[in-house]
Amino acid sequence: MYGICSVGPPLPQHEPGGGCQPRTLGPHPSLKPQLLLRYLVRANLTLGEGTVLDTFAGSGSTLAPAQAIGYRAIGLEKNHEYVTLAAKAIPKLTSFEP
């Protein structure tokens, strides 16, 4: 079970050359390896107990492994684009098998 919610108004779109770096790692600029995140979640919570709270949920890369190994996961994200991305990505990432 996971939850992700949007907080705040949508962020303005940045114009090209406005100081933003292009996204070279995919749809989110800070994607993280699922195996590493599963390890970190397991190392920091009692097996089967606890909730992962990600206050900068982004694309959901921390919420997915938490849910996949049986923890509750709550994500907060300010950017509506990433909320939509996470809602689509979490079910796919949750079914990831190493």
N, C-alpha and C. Protein backbone atom coordinates (compact mmCIF):
# COMPACT_ATOMS: atom_id res chain seq x y z
N MET A 1 0.85 -1.17 0.00
CA MET A 1 0.00 0.00 0.00
C MET A 1 0.89 1.23 0.00
N TYR A 2 0.60 2.17 -0.85
CA TYR A 2 1.36 3.41 -0.86
C TYR A 2 0.41 4.57 -1.06
N GLY A 3 0.86 5.73 -0.69
CA GLY A 3 0.11 6.94 -0.94
C GLY A 3 1.06 8.02 -1.39
N ILE A 4 0.65 8.80 -2.32
CA ILE A 4 1.46 9.94 -2.74
C ILE A 4 0.51 11.10 -2.97
N CYS A 5 0.87 12.23 -2.46
CA CYS A 5 0.00 13.37 -2.64
C CYS A 5 0.81 14.58 -3.09
N SER A 6 0.13 15.49 -3.69
CA SER A 6 0.74 16.70 -4.19
C SER A 6 0.54 17.81 -3.17
N VAL A 7 1.57 18.59 -2.95
CA VAL A 7 1.45 19.74 -2.06
C VAL A 7 1.90 20.99 -2.82
N GLY A 8 1.13 22.04 -2.70
CA GLY A 8 1.49 23.30 -3.35
C GLY A 8 1.01 23.40 -4.78
N PRO A 9 1.13 24.58 -5.35
CA PRO A 9 0.69 24.80 -6.73
C PRO A 9 1.69 24.22 -7.72
N PRO A 10 1.26 24.00 -8.96
CA PRO A 10 2.20 23.51 -9.98
C PRO A 10 3.36 24.49 -10.14
N LEU A 11 4.54 23.97 -10.37
CA LEU A 11 5.70 24.83 -10.58
C LEU A 11 5.70 25.36 -12.01
N PRO A 12 6.20 26.58 -12.20
CA PRO A 12 6.25 27.11 -13.57
C PRO A 12 7.24 26.32 -14.41
N GLN A 13 6.96 26.23 -15.67
CA GLN A 13 7.87 25.54 -16.59
C GLN A 13 9.07 26.44 -16.85
N HIS A 14 10.25 25.84 -16.88
CA HIS A 14 11.46 26.61 -17.12
C HIS A 14 11.70 26.76 -18.62
N GLU A 15 12.13 27.91 -18.99
CA GLU A 15 12.46 28.18 -20.39
C GLU A 15 13.84 27.60 -20.69
N PRO A 16 14.08 27.17 -21.93
CA PRO A 16 15.41 26.70 -22.30
C PRO A 16 16.45 27.77 -22.01
N GLY A 17 17.57 27.35 -21.45
CA GLY A 17 18.64 28.30 -21.14
C GLY A 17 18.38 29.08 -19.87
N GLY A 18 17.36 28.72 -19.11
CA GLY A 18 17.02 29.46 -17.90
C GLY A 18 17.76 28.96 -16.67
N GLY A 19 18.88 28.30 -16.84
CA GLY A 19 19.66 27.83 -15.70
C GLY A 19 19.36 26.41 -15.28
N CYS A 20 18.44 25.72 -15.95
CA CYS A 20 18.12 24.34 -15.60
C CYS A 20 18.96 23.40 -16.44
N GLN A 21 19.47 22.37 -15.79
CA GLN A 21 20.25 21.37 -16.51
C GLN A 21 19.29 20.42 -17.22
N PRO A 22 19.63 19.96 -18.41
CA PRO A 22 18.77 18.99 -19.09
C PRO A 22 18.74 17.68 -18.32
N ARG A 23 17.64 16.99 -18.39
CA ARG A 23 17.50 15.70 -17.71
C ARG A 23 18.12 14.62 -18.56
N THR A 24 19.20 14.07 -18.06
CA THR A 24 19.89 13.04 -18.83
C THR A 24 19.66 11.65 -18.25
N LEU A 25 19.05 11.56 -17.08
CA LEU A 25 18.85 10.26 -16.44
C LEU A 25 17.46 9.72 -16.63
N GLY A 26 16.65 10.33 -17.44
CA GLY A 26 15.28 9.88 -17.63
C GLY A 26 14.30 10.98 -17.27
N PRO A 27 13.07 10.62 -16.94
CA PRO A 27 12.04 11.61 -16.69
C PRO A 27 12.22 12.37 -15.38
N HIS A 28 13.08 11.91 -14.49
CA HIS A 28 13.34 12.62 -13.24
C HIS A 28 14.86 12.77 -13.10
N PRO A 29 15.34 13.93 -12.66
CA PRO A 29 16.79 14.17 -12.65
C PRO A 29 17.54 13.41 -11.57
N SER A 30 16.85 12.73 -10.67
CA SER A 30 17.54 12.06 -9.57
C SER A 30 17.01 10.64 -9.37
N LEU A 31 17.08 9.84 -10.41
CA LEU A 31 16.66 8.44 -10.31
C LEU A 31 17.68 7.66 -9.49
N LYS A 32 17.19 6.69 -8.72
CA LYS A 32 18.07 5.91 -7.86
C LYS A 32 17.89 4.43 -8.14
N PRO A 33 18.97 3.65 -7.97
CA PRO A 33 18.89 2.20 -8.23
C PRO A 33 17.95 1.50 -7.25
N GLN A 34 17.05 0.68 -7.77
CA GLN A 34 16.08 -0.01 -6.94
C GLN A 34 16.73 -0.99 -5.96
N LEU A 35 17.77 -1.68 -6.36
CA LEU A 35 18.43 -2.62 -5.46
C LEU A 35 19.04 -1.89 -4.26
N LEU A 36 19.65 -0.75 -4.50
CA LEU A 36 20.22 0.04 -3.41
C LEU A 36 19.13 0.51 -2.45
N LEU A 37 18.02 0.99 -2.98
CA LEU A 37 16.95 1.48 -2.13
C LEU A 37 16.29 0.35 -1.34
N ARG A 38 16.14 -0.82 -1.93
CA ARG A 38 15.60 -1.96 -1.18
C ARG A 38 16.53 -2.29 -0.01
N TYR A 39 17.82 -2.29 -0.27
CA TYR A 39 18.79 -2.57 0.79
C TYR A 39 18.67 -1.53 1.91
N LEU A 40 18.60 -0.26 1.56
CA LEU A 40 18.52 0.80 2.57
C LEU A 40 17.23 0.72 3.39
N VAL A 41 16.13 0.41 2.73
CA VAL A 41 14.86 0.28 3.46
C VAL A 41 14.95 -0.89 4.44
N ARG A 42 15.43 -2.03 3.97
CA ARG A 42 15.54 -3.21 4.84
C ARG A 42 16.49 -2.96 6.01
N ALA A 43 17.58 -2.23 5.74
CA ALA A 43 18.59 -1.99 6.77
C ALA A 43 18.11 -1.04 7.86
N ASN A 44 17.08 -0.26 7.59
CA ASN A 44 16.67 0.77 8.52
C ASN A 44 15.31 0.54 9.17
N LEU A 45 14.61 -0.51 8.82
CA LEU A 45 13.31 -0.80 9.42
C LEU A 45 13.26 -2.24 9.90
N THR A 46 12.50 -2.46 10.96
CA THR A 46 12.27 -3.82 11.44
C THR A 46 11.47 -4.56 10.39
N LEU A 47 11.83 -5.80 10.14
CA LEU A 47 11.18 -6.57 9.09
C LEU A 47 9.66 -6.59 9.26
N GLY A 48 8.96 -6.12 8.24
CA GLY A 48 7.50 -6.12 8.23
C GLY A 48 6.83 -5.05 9.05
N GLU A 49 7.61 -4.21 9.72
CA GLU A 49 7.03 -3.16 10.54
C GLU A 49 7.55 -1.81 10.09
N GLY A 50 6.67 -0.84 10.06
CA GLY A 50 7.12 0.51 9.78
C GLY A 50 6.52 1.09 8.51
N THR A 51 6.76 2.37 8.39
CA THR A 51 6.28 3.14 7.26
C THR A 51 7.41 3.99 6.73
N VAL A 52 7.59 4.00 5.43
CA VAL A 52 8.57 4.86 4.80
C VAL A 52 7.87 6.17 4.43
N LEU A 53 8.39 7.27 4.91
CA LEU A 53 7.87 8.60 4.57
C LEU A 53 8.93 9.30 3.74
N ASP A 54 8.59 9.58 2.50
CA ASP A 54 9.50 10.29 1.59
C ASP A 54 8.92 11.67 1.34
N THR A 55 9.51 12.68 1.94
CA THR A 55 8.97 14.03 1.83
C THR A 55 9.33 14.73 0.53
N PHE A 56 10.18 14.11 -0.26
CA PHE A 56 10.51 14.61 -1.60
C PHE A 56 10.41 13.42 -2.55
N ALA A 57 9.19 12.96 -2.78
CA ALA A 57 8.95 11.67 -3.43
C ALA A 57 9.41 11.59 -4.88
N GLY A 58 9.43 12.71 -5.58
CA GLY A 58 9.88 12.68 -6.97
C GLY A 58 9.13 11.65 -7.79
N SER A 59 9.87 10.75 -8.42
CA SER A 59 9.24 9.75 -9.28
C SER A 59 8.85 8.48 -8.53
N GLY A 60 8.98 8.48 -7.20
CA GLY A 60 8.55 7.34 -6.41
C GLY A 60 9.59 6.25 -6.25
N SER A 61 10.86 6.54 -6.57
CA SER A 61 11.88 5.49 -6.55
C SER A 61 12.19 4.98 -5.14
N THR A 62 11.81 5.69 -4.09
CA THR A 62 11.97 5.18 -2.73
C THR A 62 10.70 4.48 -2.27
N LEU A 63 9.56 4.95 -2.72
CA LEU A 63 8.29 4.35 -2.31
C LEU A 63 8.10 2.95 -2.88
N ALA A 64 8.53 2.75 -4.11
CA ALA A 64 8.33 1.46 -4.77
C ALA A 64 9.03 0.31 -4.07
N PRO A 65 10.33 0.42 -3.74
CA PRO A 65 10.96 -0.72 -3.07
C PRO A 65 10.40 -0.95 -1.67
N ALA A 66 9.99 0.11 -0.99
CA ALA A 66 9.38 -0.05 0.33
C ALA A 66 8.11 -0.88 0.21
N GLN A 67 7.29 -0.54 -0.75
CA GLN A 67 6.04 -1.27 -0.96
C GLN A 67 6.33 -2.70 -1.42
N ALA A 68 7.31 -2.87 -2.28
CA ALA A 68 7.62 -4.18 -2.83
C ALA A 68 8.04 -5.19 -1.76
N ILE A 69 8.67 -4.71 -0.70
CA ILE A 69 9.12 -5.63 0.34
C ILE A 69 8.21 -5.61 1.57
N GLY A 70 7.04 -5.00 1.42
CA GLY A 70 6.00 -5.14 2.43
C GLY A 70 5.82 -4.02 3.44
N TYR A 71 6.40 -2.87 3.20
CA TYR A 71 6.22 -1.74 4.10
C TYR A 71 5.18 -0.78 3.56
N ARG A 72 4.59 -0.02 4.45
CA ARG A 72 3.72 1.07 4.01
C ARG A 72 4.62 2.19 3.51
N ALA A 73 4.14 2.97 2.55
CA ALA A 73 4.95 4.04 2.00
C ALA A 73 4.07 5.27 1.75
N ILE A 74 4.56 6.41 2.20
CA ILE A 74 3.85 7.67 2.00
C ILE A 74 4.81 8.64 1.34
N GLY A 75 4.38 9.25 0.27
CA GLY A 75 5.21 10.21 -0.44
C GLY A 75 4.55 11.56 -0.54
N LEU A 76 5.34 12.59 -0.39
CA LEU A 76 4.88 13.97 -0.59
C LEU A 76 5.73 14.58 -1.69
N GLU A 77 5.08 15.27 -2.60
CA GLU A 77 5.79 15.88 -3.71
C GLU A 77 5.11 17.18 -4.11
N LYS A 78 5.89 18.21 -4.32
CA LYS A 78 5.37 19.53 -4.67
C LYS A 78 5.05 19.65 -6.16
N ASN A 79 5.82 18.98 -6.98
CA ASN A 79 5.69 19.09 -8.43
C ASN A 79 4.62 18.12 -8.94
N HIS A 80 3.55 18.65 -9.48
CA HIS A 80 2.44 17.82 -9.97
C HIS A 80 2.88 16.87 -11.08
N GLU A 81 3.83 17.29 -11.89
CA GLU A 81 4.34 16.43 -12.96
C GLU A 81 4.94 15.15 -12.37
N TYR A 82 5.69 15.27 -11.29
CA TYR A 82 6.31 14.11 -10.67
C TYR A 82 5.29 13.24 -9.94
N VAL A 83 4.22 13.85 -9.40
CA VAL A 83 3.16 13.06 -8.77
C VAL A 83 2.54 12.12 -9.81
N THR A 84 2.25 12.66 -10.97
CA THR A 84 1.70 11.86 -12.06
C THR A 84 2.68 10.77 -12.48
N LEU A 85 3.95 11.15 -12.60
CA LEU A 85 4.99 10.19 -12.98
C LEU A 85 5.09 9.08 -11.93
N ALA A 86 5.09 9.44 -10.66
CA ALA A 86 5.20 8.44 -9.59
C ALA A 86 4.00 7.50 -9.58
N ALA A 87 2.81 8.04 -9.78
CA ALA A 87 1.61 7.20 -9.78
C ALA A 87 1.67 6.14 -10.88
N LYS A 88 2.32 6.45 -11.99
CA LYS A 88 2.47 5.49 -13.08
C LYS A 88 3.67 4.56 -12.85
N ALA A 89 4.73 5.09 -12.25
CA ALA A 89 5.97 4.33 -12.12
C ALA A 89 5.96 3.35 -10.96
N ILE A 90 5.30 3.70 -9.85
CA ILE A 90 5.37 2.85 -8.65
C ILE A 90 4.88 1.43 -8.91
N PRO A 91 3.74 1.22 -9.57
CA PRO A 91 3.33 -0.17 -9.83
C PRO A 91 4.35 -0.95 -10.68
N LYS A 92 4.98 -0.28 -11.63
CA LYS A 92 5.98 -0.95 -12.46
C LYS A 92 7.24 -1.25 -11.66
N LEU A 93 7.69 -0.29 -10.85
CA LEU A 93 8.90 -0.48 -10.05
C LEU A 93 8.68 -1.51 -8.94
N THR A 94 7.46 -1.57 -8.42
CA THR A 94 7.15 -2.51 -7.36
C THR A 94 7.27 -3.95 -7.84
N SER A 95 6.95 -4.19 -9.10
CA SER A 95 7.03 -5.55 -9.63
C SER A 95 8.43 -5.92 -10.10
N PHE A 96 9.40 -5.00 -9.94
CA PHE A 96 10.79 -5.24 -10.33
C PHE A 96 11.37 -6.39 -9.50
N GLU A 97 11.93 -7.36 -10.17
CA GLU A 97 12.59 -8.49 -9.49
C GLU A 97 14.09 -8.44 -9.80
N PRO A 98 14.91 -8.40 -8.75
CA PRO A 98 16.37 -8.34 -8.97
C PRO A 98 16.91 -9.62 -9.56
